[in-house]
Amino acid sequence: MREIEVFIDTDEIAEFFFQELLKRGYVPSEGEVEELADITFDYLLEKCIIDEEVDDE
């Protein structure tokens, strides 16, 4: 199996959740979608779908 490099942006995930929830009739707060994005990121880490790299900038 080959390895590919993927960048996960939790802000992008939060925006995706916000738009999808709006389509389904929910009006989440900014804090709620940020929590969902963080949970999604943690899930991907736990399932070893992604590895976290910390920028030293």
PDB file of N, CA and C in Angstrom:
ATOM      1  N   MET A   1       0.847  -1.173   0.000  1.00  0.00           N
ATOM      2  CA  MET A   1       0.000   0.000   0.000  1.00  0.00           C
ATOM      3  C   MET A   1       0.892   1.235   0.000  1.00  0.00           C
ATOM      4  N   ARG A   2       0.568   2.187  -0.831  1.00  0.00           N
ATOM      5  CA  ARG A   2       1.395   3.385  -0.910  1.00  0.00           C
ATOM      6  C   ARG A   2       0.902   4.447   0.067  1.00  0.00           C
ATOM      7  N   GLU A   3       1.785   5.334   0.403  1.00  0.00           N
ATOM      8  CA  GLU A   3       1.471   6.416   1.333  1.00  0.00           C
ATOM      9  C   GLU A   3       1.253   7.702   0.559  1.00  0.00           C
ATOM     10  N   ILE A   4       0.201   8.447   0.931  1.00  0.00           N
ATOM     11  CA  ILE A   4      -0.045   9.747   0.323  1.00  0.00           C
ATOM     12  C   ILE A   4      -0.088  10.792   1.419  1.00  0.00           C
ATOM     13  N   GLU A   5       0.203  12.025   1.061  1.00  0.00           N
ATOM     14  CA  GLU A   5       0.200  13.107   2.039  1.00  0.00           C
ATOM     15  C   GLU A   5      -1.126  13.852   1.946  1.00  0.00           C
ATOM     16  N   VAL A   6      -1.809  13.952   3.088  1.00  0.00           N
ATOM     17  CA  VAL A   6      -3.111  14.619   3.155  1.00  0.00           C
ATOM     18  C   VAL A   6      -3.053  15.659   4.253  1.00  0.00           C
ATOM     19  N   PHE A   7      -3.578  16.835   3.977  1.00  0.00           N
ATOM     20  CA  PHE A   7      -3.633  17.893   4.972  1.00  0.00           C
ATOM     21  C   PHE A   7      -5.075  18.045   5.438  1.00  0.00           C
ATOM     22  N   ILE A   8      -5.282  17.968   6.741  1.00  0.00           N
ATOM     23  CA  ILE A   8      -6.615  18.097   7.337  1.00  0.00           C
ATOM     24  C   ILE A   8      -6.685  19.444   8.036  1.00  0.00           C
ATOM     25  N   ASP A   9      -7.648  20.243   7.650  1.00  0.00           N
ATOM     26  CA  ASP A   9      -7.839  21.579   8.221  1.00  0.00           C
ATOM     27  C   ASP A   9      -9.134  21.566   9.030  1.00  0.00           C
ATOM     28  N   THR A  10      -9.021  21.692  10.348  1.00  0.00           N
ATOM     29  CA  THR A  10     -10.227  21.633  11.181  1.00  0.00           C
ATOM     30  C   THR A  10     -11.172  22.794  10.909  1.00  0.00           C
ATOM     31  N   ASP A  11     -10.649  23.934  10.462  1.00  0.00           N
ATOM     32  CA  ASP A  11     -11.538  25.041  10.085  1.00  0.00           C
ATOM     33  C   ASP A  11     -12.385  24.656   8.875  1.00  0.00           C
ATOM     34  N   GLU A  12     -11.773  23.955   7.947  1.00  0.00           N
ATOM     35  CA  GLU A  12     -12.493  23.489   6.763  1.00  0.00           C
ATOM     36  C   GLU A  12     -13.543  22.441   7.155  1.00  0.00           C
ATOM     37  N   ILE A  13     -13.185  21.561   8.068  1.00  0.00           N
ATOM     38  CA  ILE A  13     -14.139  20.557   8.556  1.00  0.00           C
ATOM     39  C   ILE A  13     -15.312  21.253   9.233  1.00  0.00           C
ATOM     40  N   ALA A  14     -15.025  22.259  10.061  1.00  0.00           N
ATOM     41  CA  ALA A  14     -16.083  22.993  10.766  1.00  0.00           C
ATOM     42  C   ALA A  14     -17.036  23.651   9.773  1.00  0.00           C
ATOM     43  N   GLU A  15     -16.496  24.267   8.730  1.00  0.00           N
ATOM     44  CA  GLU A  15     -17.336  24.909   7.711  1.00  0.00           C
ATOM     45  C   GLU A  15     -18.190  23.879   6.984  1.00  0.00           C
ATOM     46  N   PHE A  16     -17.604  22.717   6.687  1.00  0.00           N
ATOM     47  CA  PHE A  16     -18.348  21.645   6.036  1.00  0.00           C
ATOM     48  C   PHE A  16     -19.516  21.205   6.912  1.00  0.00           C
ATOM     49  N   PHE A  17     -19.251  20.940   8.196  1.00  0.00           N
ATOM     50  CA  PHE A  17     -20.321  20.536   9.106  1.00  0.00           C
ATOM     51  C   PHE A  17     -21.397  21.608   9.206  1.00  0.00           C
ATOM     52  N   PHE A  18     -20.991  22.861   9.301  1.00  0.00           N
ATOM     53  CA  PHE A  18     -21.943  23.960   9.406  1.00  0.00           C
ATOM     54  C   PHE A  18     -22.884  23.972   8.202  1.00  0.00           C
ATOM     55  N   GLN A  19     -22.320  23.904   7.005  1.00  0.00           N
ATOM     56  CA  GLN A  19     -23.136  23.930   5.785  1.00  0.00           C
ATOM     57  C   GLN A  19     -24.053  22.708   5.689  1.00  0.00           C
ATOM     58  N   GLU A  20     -23.528  21.542   6.023  1.00  0.00           N
ATOM     59  CA  GLU A  20     -24.327  20.321   5.949  1.00  0.00           C
ATOM     60  C   GLU A  20     -25.452  20.323   6.990  1.00  0.00           C
ATOM     61  N   LEU A  21     -25.174  20.816   8.183  1.00  0.00           N
ATOM     62  CA  LEU A  21     -26.216  20.893   9.201  1.00  0.00           C
ATOM     63  C   LEU A  21     -27.294  21.900   8.810  1.00  0.00           C
ATOM     64  N   LEU A  22     -26.895  23.017   8.212  1.00  0.00           N
ATOM     65  CA  LEU A  22     -27.875  23.992   7.730  1.00  0.00           C
ATOM     66  C   LEU A  22     -28.800  23.364   6.690  1.00  0.00           C
ATOM     67  N   LYS A  23     -28.235  22.592   5.763  1.00  0.00           N
ATOM     68  CA  LYS A  23     -29.041  21.916   4.741  1.00  0.00           C
ATOM     69  C   LYS A  23     -30.072  20.984   5.358  1.00  0.00           C
ATOM     70  N   ARG A  24     -29.753  20.447   6.531  1.00  0.00           N
ATOM     71  CA  ARG A  24     -30.636  19.489   7.197  1.00  0.00           C
ATOM     72  C   ARG A  24     -31.572  20.160   8.203  1.00  0.00           C
ATOM     73  N   GLY A  25     -31.529  21.488   8.254  1.00  0.00           N
ATOM     74  CA  GLY A  25     -32.460  22.215   9.112  1.00  0.00           C
ATOM     75  C   GLY A  25     -31.953  22.531  10.508  1.00  0.00           C
ATOM     76  N   TYR A  26     -30.681  22.320  10.763  1.00  0.00           N
ATOM     77  CA  TYR A  26     -30.093  22.640  12.061  1.00  0.00           C
ATOM     78  C   TYR A  26     -29.331  23.960  11.960  1.00  0.00           C
ATOM     79  N   VAL A  27     -29.319  24.710  13.036  1.00  0.00           N
ATOM     80  CA  VAL A  27     -28.562  25.962  13.060  1.00  0.00           C
ATOM     81  C   VAL A  27     -27.577  25.879  14.225  1.00  0.00           C
ATOM     82  N   PRO A  28     -26.403  25.279  13.971  1.00  0.00           N
ATOM     83  CA  PRO A  28     -25.420  25.114  15.046  1.00  0.00           C
ATOM     84  C   PRO A  28     -24.680  26.415  15.319  1.00  0.00           C
ATOM     85  N   SER A  29     -24.192  26.540  16.542  1.00  0.00           N
ATOM     86  CA  SER A  29     -23.352  27.694  16.870  1.00  0.00           C
ATOM     87  C   SER A  29     -21.941  27.438  16.338  1.00  0.00           C
ATOM     88  N   GLU A  30     -21.156  28.493  16.269  1.00  0.00           N
ATOM     89  CA  GLU A  30     -19.779  28.364  15.813  1.00  0.00           C
ATOM     90  C   GLU A  30     -19.003  27.404  16.719  1.00  0.00           C
ATOM     91  N   GLY A  31     -19.234  27.513  18.017  1.00  0.00           N
ATOM     92  CA  GLY A  31     -18.550  26.641  18.971  1.00  0.00           C
ATOM     93  C   GLY A  31     -18.906  25.178  18.779  1.00  0.00           C
ATOM     94  N   GLU A  32     -20.171  24.916  18.447  1.00  0.00           N
ATOM     95  CA  GLU A  32     -20.602  23.534  18.237  1.00  0.00           C
ATOM     96  C   GLU A  32     -19.916  22.900  17.034  1.00  0.00           C
ATOM     97  N   VAL A  33     -19.837  23.633  15.934  1.00  0.00           N
ATOM     98  CA  VAL A  33     -19.191  23.044  14.755  1.00  0.00           C
ATOM     99  C   VAL A  33     -17.684  22.918  14.946  1.00  0.00           C
ATOM    100  N   GLU A  34     -17.091  23.806  15.722  1.00  0.00           N
ATOM    101  CA  GLU A  34     -15.662  23.665  16.024  1.00  0.00           C
ATOM    102  C   GLU A  34     -15.415  22.408  16.851  1.00  0.00           C
ATOM    103  N   GLU A  35     -16.312  22.126  17.800  1.00  0.00           N
ATOM    104  CA  GLU A  35     -16.197  20.902  18.598  1.00  0.00           C
ATOM    105  C   GLU A  35     -16.344  19.673  17.713  1.00  0.00           C
ATOM    106  N   LEU A  36     -17.305  19.697  16.794  1.00  0.00           N
ATOM    107  CA  LEU A  36     -17.489  18.581  15.870  1.00  0.00           C
ATOM    108  C   LEU A  36     -16.246  18.372  15.010  1.00  0.00           C
ATOM    109  N   ALA A  37     -15.638  19.456  14.555  1.00  0.00           N
ATOM    110  CA  ALA A  37     -14.421  19.347  13.752  1.00  0.00           C
ATOM    111  C   ALA A  37     -13.286  18.731  14.567  1.00  0.00           C
ATOM    112  N   ASP A  38     -13.143  19.151  15.807  1.00  0.00           N
ATOM    113  CA  ASP A  38     -12.098  18.585  16.672  1.00  0.00           C
ATOM    114  C   ASP A  38     -12.345  17.101  16.933  1.00  0.00           C
ATOM    115  N   ILE A  39     -13.597  16.740  17.169  1.00  0.00           N
ATOM    116  CA  ILE A  39     -13.951  15.335  17.403  1.00  0.00           C
ATOM    117  C   ILE A  39     -13.652  14.506  16.159  1.00  0.00           C
ATOM    118  N   THR A  40     -13.971  15.043  14.981  1.00  0.00           N
ATOM    119  CA  THR A  40     -13.702  14.341  13.732  1.00  0.00           C
ATOM    120  C   THR A  40     -12.207  14.120  13.552  1.00  0.00           C
ATOM    121  N   PHE A  41     -11.414  15.156  13.835  1.00  0.00           N
ATOM    122  CA  PHE A  41      -9.959  15.046  13.733  1.00  0.00           C
ATOM    123  C   PHE A  41      -9.444  13.975  14.697  1.00  0.00           C
ATOM    124  N   ASP A  42      -9.926  13.991  15.935  1.00  0.00           N
ATOM    125  CA  ASP A  42      -9.514  12.990  16.922  1.00  0.00           C
ATOM    126  C   ASP A  42      -9.895  11.579  16.479  1.00  0.00           C
ATOM    127  N   TYR A  43     -11.057  11.448  15.873  1.00  0.00           N
ATOM    128  CA  TYR A  43     -11.513  10.147  15.377  1.00  0.00           C
ATOM    129  C   TYR A  43     -10.561   9.625  14.291  1.00  0.00           C
ATOM    130  N   LEU A  44     -10.200  10.495  13.353  1.00  0.00           N
ATOM    131  CA  LEU A  44      -9.285  10.098  12.285  1.00  0.00           C
ATOM    132  C   LEU A  44      -7.925   9.676  12.848  1.00  0.00           C
ATOM    133  N   LEU A  45      -7.463  10.382  13.881  1.00  0.00           N
ATOM    134  CA  LEU A  45      -6.211   9.997  14.543  1.00  0.00           C
ATOM    135  C   LEU A  45      -6.341   8.637  15.220  1.00  0.00           C
ATOM    136  N   GLU A  46      -7.430   8.455  15.959  1.00  0.00           N
ATOM    137  CA  GLU A  46      -7.631   7.212  16.712  1.00  0.00           C
ATOM    138  C   GLU A  46      -7.725   5.998  15.792  1.00  0.00           C
ATOM    139  N   LYS A  47      -8.330   6.169  14.634  1.00  0.00           N
ATOM    140  CA  LYS A  47      -8.479   5.071  13.678  1.00  0.00           C
ATOM    141  C   LYS A  47      -7.251   4.908  12.786  1.00  0.00           C
ATOM    142  N   CYS A  48      -6.203   5.689  13.058  1.00  0.00           N
ATOM    143  CA  CYS A  48      -4.941   5.642  12.310  1.00  0.00           C
ATOM    144  C   CYS A  48      -5.148   5.943  10.825  1.00  0.00           C
ATOM    145  N   ILE A  49      -6.122   6.769  10.532  1.00  0.00           N
ATOM    146  CA  ILE A  49      -6.356   7.205   9.159  1.00  0.00           C
ATOM    147  C   ILE A  49      -5.385   8.334   8.823  1.00  0.00           C
ATOM    148  N   ILE A  50      -5.061   9.130   9.839  1.00  0.00           N
ATOM    149  CA  ILE A  50      -4.100  10.216   9.680  1.00  0.00           C
ATOM    150  C   ILE A  50      -3.094  10.166  10.824  1.00  0.00           C
ATOM    151  N   ASP A  51      -1.971  10.819  10.624  1.00  0.00           N
ATOM    152  CA  ASP A  51      -0.970  11.032  11.666  1.00  0.00           C
ATOM    153  C   ASP A  51      -0.864  12.526  11.875  1.00  0.00           C
ATOM    154  N   GLU A  52      -0.742  12.932  13.120  1.00  0.00           N
ATOM    155  CA  GLU A  52      -0.637  14.368  13.415  1.00  0.00           C
ATOM    156  C   GLU A  52       0.813  14.809  13.323  1.00  0.00           C
ATOM    157  N   GLU A  53       1.032  15.872  12.567  1.00  0.00           N
ATOM    158  CA  GLU A  53       2.342  16.503  12.491  1.00  0.00           C
ATOM    159  C   GLU A  53       2.221  17.876  13.093  1.00  0.00           C
ATOM    160  N   VAL A  54       3.168  18.218  13.945  1.00  0.00           N
ATOM    161  CA  VAL A  54       3.142  19.526  14.599  1.00  0.00           C
ATOM    162  C   VAL A  54       4.126  20.439  13.887  1.00  0.00           C
ATOM    163  N   ASP A  55       3.651  21.593  13.432  1.00  0.00           N
ATOM    164  CA  ASP A  55       4.523  22.584  12.812  1.00  0.00           C
ATOM    165  C   ASP A  55       5.337  23.278  13.893  1.00  0.00           C
ATOM    166  N   ASP A  56       6.626  23.438  13.664  1.00  0.00           N
ATOM    167  CA  ASP A  56       7.501  24.098  14.620  1.00  0.00           C
ATOM    168  C   ASP A  56       7.683  25.574  14.277  1.00  0.00           C
ATOM    169  N   GLU A  57       6.708  26.148  13.577  1.00  0.00           N
ATOM    170  CA  GLU A  57       6.811  27.565  13.173  1.00  0.00           C
ATOM    171  C   GLU A  57       6.489  28.483  14.307  1.00  0.00           C
TER     172      GLU A  57
END
